[in-house]
Amino acid sequence: MATRNFPRSESCIHLRDRAHSGRSVAFAIPTDFTAKGLLFSEGLLSLLPLLLAAGVMTLIEKRSFADYGMPLNEALGKRFWQGVPIGFIMLSLLLVLIAALHGFSVDGVGVGGATALSLGVLYFIGFIFVGMFEEFSFRGYMQSTLQSGIGFWPAAIILSIVFGAIHLGNSGEAKIGAFMAGCFGLVAAFALRRTGNIWYPIGMHASWDWGETYFYGTPDSGILAQGHFLNSSFRGPEWLTGGSVGPEGSWFVFLVMILWAIAIHFLFPAKPTAIAQTGTDTGKAFAARPEF
């Protein structure tokens, strides 16, 4: 569920398609995606310029990062760590559903020992950068700016469509995977609406990507990483396995997204508050939620 644009080579993985007489179907999937490359591309080339530009805008607009939905005093705080487990749990649920129809299996450990620990940490930091970059871009600055003119949900829907569409730029991505990314954008917007800022969506975004890329070793938005904890394989039709996209291209993902939204609904019940208050800023308005 991430957009990655630095150059990478391609190799093939094989998914067994029962819909075609059990023959193996090879998909070209980029495989030179590494933890260090992720840190460089998402941290130095993507997130840092974004935060610098946003910092300039806070001076021009006389606003703060909290007004854009990302209060810096809550960075990697309670809301972030609340989001981390639900992202990983929902991904695991998706893989369990695929495995229940014999479409997914774990074939063993890919890397172990100190290497597994160091790679796990590096990938997690990298995917925090991914979550910050994508969530601040689409559920932070642009959301706060657009909603001031057309309202929260119209802005969230438009930005989720754009968020899904840009994933088509990933090698190995497919329309269903891009559509799923757009659906995730709506779930993340719902989490923003209920929690008041984007740190919870950043946490669940980071752990979902980390789980796909590193822990389970599956393709993520059409990209397969080097150095992952588990070796996994898929068998069956693309509607079940997601094909070259990875598990997020499975039709089961839509059920998982619905369950995800329901979980957020019960974890963070709507608490009506007064919006029309003197001095209420955009950051506070995110949390002012008299309705769904």
Protein backbone atom coordinates (compact mmCIF):
# COMPACT_ATOMS: atom_id res chain seq x y z
CA MET A 1 0.00 0.00 0.00
CA ALA A 2 2.85 2.28 -0.84
CA THR A 3 4.02 4.24 -3.86
CA ARG A 4 7.67 3.73 -4.69
CA ASN A 5 9.29 5.24 -7.70
CA PHE A 6 13.04 4.56 -7.57
CA PRO A 7 14.43 2.27 -10.29
CA ARG A 8 14.43 -1.48 -9.67
CA SER A 9 14.98 -4.65 -11.63
CA GLU A 10 12.41 -7.35 -12.13
CA SER A 11 12.34 -11.10 -11.68
CA CYS A 12 9.54 -13.64 -11.68
CA ILE A 13 7.66 -15.40 -8.93
CA HIS A 14 5.28 -18.21 -9.69
CA LEU A 15 1.71 -18.44 -8.49
CA ARG A 16 -0.17 -21.64 -9.20
CA ASP A 17 -3.50 -20.87 -10.85
CA ARG A 18 -6.10 -23.58 -10.26
CA ALA A 19 -8.40 -21.81 -12.70
CA HIS A 20 -6.00 -22.74 -15.50
CA SER A 21 -5.58 -26.50 -15.02
CA GLY A 22 -3.19 -26.00 -12.11
CA ARG A 23 -0.38 -24.58 -14.23
CA SER A 24 2.02 -22.03 -12.79
CA VAL A 25 1.63 -18.45 -13.96
CA ALA A 26 4.71 -16.24 -13.68
CA PHE A 27 4.44 -12.59 -12.78
CA ALA A 28 7.28 -10.10 -13.26
CA ILE A 29 7.71 -8.45 -9.86
CA PRO A 30 10.41 -5.93 -8.86
CA THR A 31 12.72 -7.63 -6.34
CA ASP A 32 15.64 -5.28 -5.70
CA PHE A 33 13.61 -3.32 -3.15
CA THR A 34 15.76 -3.16 0.00
CA ALA A 35 15.52 -1.72 3.50
CA LYS A 36 18.31 0.80 2.85
CA GLY A 37 16.73 1.80 -0.45
CA LEU A 38 13.43 2.33 1.34
CA LEU A 39 15.04 4.55 3.97
CA PHE A 40 16.78 6.61 1.31
CA SER A 41 13.84 7.00 -1.08
CA GLU A 42 11.09 7.55 1.48
CA GLY A 43 13.05 9.41 4.13
CA LEU A 44 15.55 11.60 2.32
CA LEU A 45 13.91 11.97 -1.10
CA SER A 46 10.22 12.05 -0.13
CA LEU A 47 9.42 12.81 3.51
CA LEU A 48 12.12 15.37 4.24
CA PRO A 49 11.26 17.66 1.28
CA LEU A 50 7.55 17.33 2.13
CA LEU A 51 8.07 18.37 5.76
CA LEU A 52 10.32 21.26 4.73
CA ALA A 53 7.69 22.50 2.27
CA ALA A 54 4.97 22.11 4.90
CA GLY A 55 7.13 24.01 7.38
CA VAL A 56 7.33 26.90 4.93
CA MET A 57 3.54 26.79 4.52
CA THR A 58 3.03 26.99 8.28
CA LEU A 59 4.91 30.29 8.21
CA ILE A 60 3.03 31.62 5.18
CA GLU A 61 -0.40 30.52 6.42
CA LYS A 62 0.39 31.22 10.11
CA ARG A 63 -0.68 27.71 11.04
CA SER A 64 0.93 24.70 12.71
CA PHE A 65 1.42 21.04 11.82
CA ALA A 66 -1.46 20.31 14.21
CA ASP A 67 -3.71 22.38 11.95
CA TYR A 68 -2.73 19.99 9.16
CA GLY A 69 -3.70 16.99 11.30
CA MET A 70 -0.17 16.00 12.42
CA PRO A 71 0.64 17.52 15.83
CA LEU A 72 4.38 17.17 16.30
CA ASN A 73 4.06 16.89 20.09
CA GLU A 74 2.22 13.57 19.52
CA ALA A 75 4.80 12.14 17.09
CA LEU A 76 5.12 8.38 17.53
CA GLY A 77 2.99 8.67 20.65
CA LYS A 78 -0.08 6.89 21.98
CA ARG A 79 -2.21 7.16 18.85
CA PHE A 80 0.59 5.89 16.62
CA TRP A 81 1.18 2.81 18.75
CA GLN A 82 -2.55 2.15 18.93
CA GLY A 83 -2.60 2.06 15.13
CA VAL A 84 0.35 -0.32 14.74
CA PRO A 85 -1.33 -3.51 16.02
CA ILE A 86 -4.57 -3.06 14.09
CA GLY A 87 -2.73 -2.69 10.76
CA PHE A 88 -0.80 -5.92 11.35
CA ILE A 89 -3.88 -7.75 12.67
CA MET A 90 -5.97 -6.82 9.64
CA LEU A 91 -3.25 -7.96 7.25
CA SER A 92 -2.94 -11.25 9.14
CA LEU A 93 -6.71 -11.70 8.96
CA LEU A 94 -6.58 -11.19 5.20
CA LEU A 95 -3.88 -13.85 4.83
CA VAL A 96 -5.84 -16.26 7.06
CA LEU A 97 -8.87 -15.85 4.80
CA ILE A 98 -6.77 -16.56 1.70
CA ALA A 99 -5.13 -19.53 3.44
CA ALA A 100 -8.55 -20.92 4.38
CA LEU A 101 -9.14 -21.49 0.65
CA HIS A 102 -5.63 -22.94 0.26
CA GLY A 103 -4.34 -19.85 -1.50
CA PHE A 104 -1.55 -18.90 0.91
CA SER A 105 1.10 -20.73 2.92
CA VAL A 106 4.24 -19.97 4.86
CA ASP A 107 7.14 -22.07 3.57
CA GLY A 108 9.72 -21.31 6.22
CA VAL A 109 12.02 -18.62 7.55
CA GLY A 110 13.80 -16.35 5.10
CA VAL A 111 16.27 -14.60 7.40
CA GLY A 112 16.93 -15.22 11.07
CA GLY A 113 19.05 -14.16 14.02
CA ALA A 114 20.60 -10.71 14.22
CA THR A 115 19.98 -10.14 10.50
CA ALA A 116 16.24 -10.63 10.97
CA LEU A 117 16.19 -8.17 13.87
CA SER A 118 18.20 -5.48 12.07
CA LEU A 119 16.21 -5.80 8.85
CA GLY A 120 12.95 -5.75 10.80
CA VAL A 121 13.92 -2.50 12.52
CA LEU A 122 15.16 -0.87 9.31
CA TYR A 123 12.04 -1.83 7.38
CA PHE A 124 9.81 -0.61 10.20
CA ILE A 125 11.53 2.78 10.29
CA GLY A 126 11.29 2.96 6.50
CA PHE A 127 7.59 2.22 6.56
CA ILE A 128 7.02 4.83 9.25
CA PHE A 129 8.48 7.24 6.70
CA VAL A 130 6.10 5.81 4.07
CA GLY A 131 3.12 6.21 6.40
CA MET A 132 4.09 9.76 7.34
CA PHE A 133 4.67 10.79 3.75
CA GLU A 134 1.47 9.32 2.33
CA GLU A 135 -0.82 10.11 5.27
CA PHE A 136 0.43 13.68 5.68
CA SER A 137 0.14 14.24 1.94
CA PHE A 138 -3.40 12.90 1.56
CA ARG A 139 -5.02 12.91 5.02
CA GLY A 140 -3.00 15.79 6.43
CA TYR A 141 -2.19 18.92 4.46
CA MET A 142 -4.38 18.36 1.41
CA GLN A 143 -7.28 17.06 3.51
CA SER A 144 -7.22 20.06 5.85
CA THR A 145 -6.96 22.47 2.92
CA LEU A 146 -9.63 20.90 0.72
CA GLN A 147 -12.13 20.24 3.48
CA SER A 148 -12.18 23.91 4.38
CA GLY A 149 -13.89 24.52 1.06
CA ILE A 150 -16.01 21.43 0.37
CA GLY A 151 -16.30 19.58 3.69
CA PHE A 152 -14.57 16.61 5.28
CA TRP A 153 -16.05 13.62 3.43
CA PRO A 154 -16.17 15.13 -0.09
CA ALA A 155 -12.48 16.00 0.37
CA ALA A 156 -11.68 12.54 1.74
CA ILE A 157 -13.41 10.80 -1.18
CA ILE A 158 -11.61 12.89 -3.81
CA LEU A 159 -8.22 12.40 -2.17
CA SER A 160 -8.80 8.66 -1.73
CA ILE A 161 -9.49 8.34 -5.46
CA VAL A 162 -6.25 10.17 -6.22
CA PHE A 163 -4.39 8.09 -3.63
CA GLY A 164 -5.57 4.89 -5.29
CA ALA A 165 -4.79 6.15 -8.79
CA ILE A 166 -1.15 6.98 -8.06
CA HIS A 167 -0.55 3.37 -7.02
CA LEU A 168 -1.00 2.39 -10.67
CA GLY A 169 2.48 3.80 -11.19
CA ASN A 170 3.96 0.84 -9.27
CA SER A 171 5.35 -2.01 -11.36
CA GLY A 172 3.19 -5.08 -10.84
CA GLU A 173 0.22 -3.06 -9.58
CA ALA A 174 -3.27 -3.72 -10.99
CA LYS A 175 -6.56 -1.85 -11.00
CA ILE A 176 -8.00 -3.86 -8.12
CA GLY A 177 -4.92 -3.10 -6.00
CA ALA A 178 -5.23 0.61 -6.77
CA PHE A 179 -8.95 0.46 -5.94
CA MET A 180 -8.11 -1.22 -2.64
CA ALA A 181 -5.60 1.55 -1.87
CA GLY A 182 -8.39 4.06 -2.44
CA CYS A 183 -10.61 2.10 -0.04
CA PHE A 184 -7.82 2.16 2.52
CA GLY A 185 -7.72 5.92 2.04
CA LEU A 186 -11.35 6.08 3.18
CA VAL A 187 -10.64 3.87 6.20
CA ALA A 188 -7.68 6.10 7.10
CA ALA A 189 -9.87 9.19 6.70
CA PHE A 190 -12.44 7.60 9.01
CA ALA A 191 -9.67 6.97 11.56
CA LEU A 192 -8.62 10.62 11.22
CA ARG A 193 -12.21 11.71 11.75
CA ARG A 194 -12.55 9.65 14.91
CA THR A 195 -9.11 10.21 16.49
CA GLY A 196 -8.55 13.83 15.54
CA ASN A 197 -5.17 13.48 13.80
CA ILE A 198 -3.23 11.25 11.42
CA TRP A 199 -0.92 9.48 13.87
CA TYR A 200 -3.28 6.53 14.22
CA PRO A 201 -3.54 6.09 10.40
CA ILE A 202 0.25 6.43 10.15
CA GLY A 203 0.69 3.57 12.64
CA MET A 204 -1.74 1.21 10.91
CA HIS A 205 -0.37 2.14 7.46
CA ALA A 206 3.23 1.46 8.53
CA SER A 207 2.47 -1.91 10.14
CA TRP A 208 0.38 -3.13 7.18
CA ASP A 209 3.21 -2.37 4.74
CA TRP A 210 5.83 -3.78 7.14
CA GLY A 211 3.83 -6.97 7.58
CA GLU A 212 3.46 -7.53 3.83
CA THR A 213 6.98 -6.56 2.83
CA TYR A 214 9.11 -7.84 5.67
CA PHE A 215 7.28 -10.14 8.10
CA TYR A 216 5.28 -12.30 5.67
CA GLY A 217 7.47 -11.63 2.62
CA THR A 218 4.59 -11.06 0.19
CA PRO A 219 4.37 -8.57 -2.68
CA ASP A 220 3.19 -5.14 -1.53
CA SER A 221 1.45 -3.09 -4.23
CA GLY A 222 3.27 -5.18 -6.82
CA ILE A 223 6.72 -5.02 -5.19
CA LEU A 224 8.64 -7.88 -3.54
CA ALA A 225 11.45 -6.98 -1.14
CA GLN A 226 14.85 -8.50 -0.61
CA GLY A 227 15.46 -9.80 2.90
CA HIS A 228 12.16 -10.79 4.53
CA PHE A 229 11.49 -12.77 7.68
CA LEU A 230 9.19 -15.44 6.25
CA ASN A 231 9.09 -17.12 2.84
CA SER A 232 5.51 -17.28 1.60
CA SER A 233 3.79 -18.63 -1.48
CA PHE A 234 0.42 -18.26 -3.17
CA ARG A 235 -1.66 -20.77 -5.15
CA GLY A 236 -4.94 -20.18 -6.89
CA PRO A 237 -6.78 -17.65 -9.00
CA GLU A 238 -5.90 -13.97 -8.87
CA TRP A 239 -9.22 -13.00 -7.29
CA LEU A 240 -8.11 -15.04 -4.27
CA THR A 241 -4.35 -14.41 -4.10
CA GLY A 242 -4.10 -10.95 -5.60
CA GLY A 243 -1.68 -12.13 -8.28
CA SER A 244 1.31 -9.86 -8.85
CA VAL A 245 -0.25 -7.16 -6.65
CA GLY A 246 0.06 -9.24 -3.49
CA PRO A 247 -2.61 -10.05 -0.90
CA GLU A 248 -4.08 -6.56 -1.05
CA GLY A 249 -5.23 -7.44 -4.57
CA SER A 250 -7.41 -10.27 -3.20
CA TRP A 251 -11.17 -9.75 -3.22
CA PHE A 252 -11.13 -10.65 0.48
CA VAL A 253 -9.50 -7.29 1.14
CA PHE A 254 -12.85 -5.53 0.84
CA LEU A 255 -14.29 -7.63 3.66
CA VAL A 256 -11.22 -6.82 5.73
CA MET A 257 -11.64 -3.08 5.03
CA ILE A 258 -15.24 -3.22 6.24
CA LEU A 259 -14.18 -5.04 9.42
CA TRP A 260 -11.37 -2.51 9.84
CA ALA A 261 -13.80 0.42 9.70
CA ILE A 262 -16.13 -1.34 12.16
CA ALA A 263 -13.20 -1.87 14.55
CA ILE A 264 -12.33 1.84 14.40
CA HIS A 265 -16.00 2.71 14.99
CA PHE A 266 -16.06 0.75 18.25
CA LEU A 267 -12.55 1.63 19.37
CA PHE A 268 -13.17 5.36 18.92
CA PRO A 269 -16.91 6.08 19.37
CA ALA A 270 -18.19 9.34 17.99
CA LYS A 271 -18.47 11.97 20.72
CA PRO A 272 -20.53 14.99 19.64
CA THR A 273 -18.78 18.24 20.39
CA ALA A 274 -19.46 21.82 19.53
CA ILE A 275 -17.71 22.80 16.31
CA ALA A 276 -18.74 26.44 16.09
CA GLN A 277 -16.45 27.74 18.82
CA THR A 278 -14.43 30.92 18.70
CA GLY A 279 -10.83 30.12 17.93
CA THR A 280 -11.42 26.49 16.96
CA ASP A 281 -8.57 25.56 14.62
CA THR A 282 -8.46 22.94 11.91
CA GLY A 283 -6.66 20.41 14.08
CA LYS A 284 -9.39 20.63 16.71
CA ALA A 285 -12.05 20.53 14.02
CA PHE A 286 -10.76 17.13 12.93
CA ALA A 287 -11.80 15.83 16.34
CA ALA A 288 -15.11 17.68 16.41
CA ARG A 289 -17.31 14.91 15.12
CA PRO A 290 -21.07 15.21 15.69
CA GLU A 291 -21.71 12.61 13.02
CA PHE A 292 -20.18 9.66 11.11
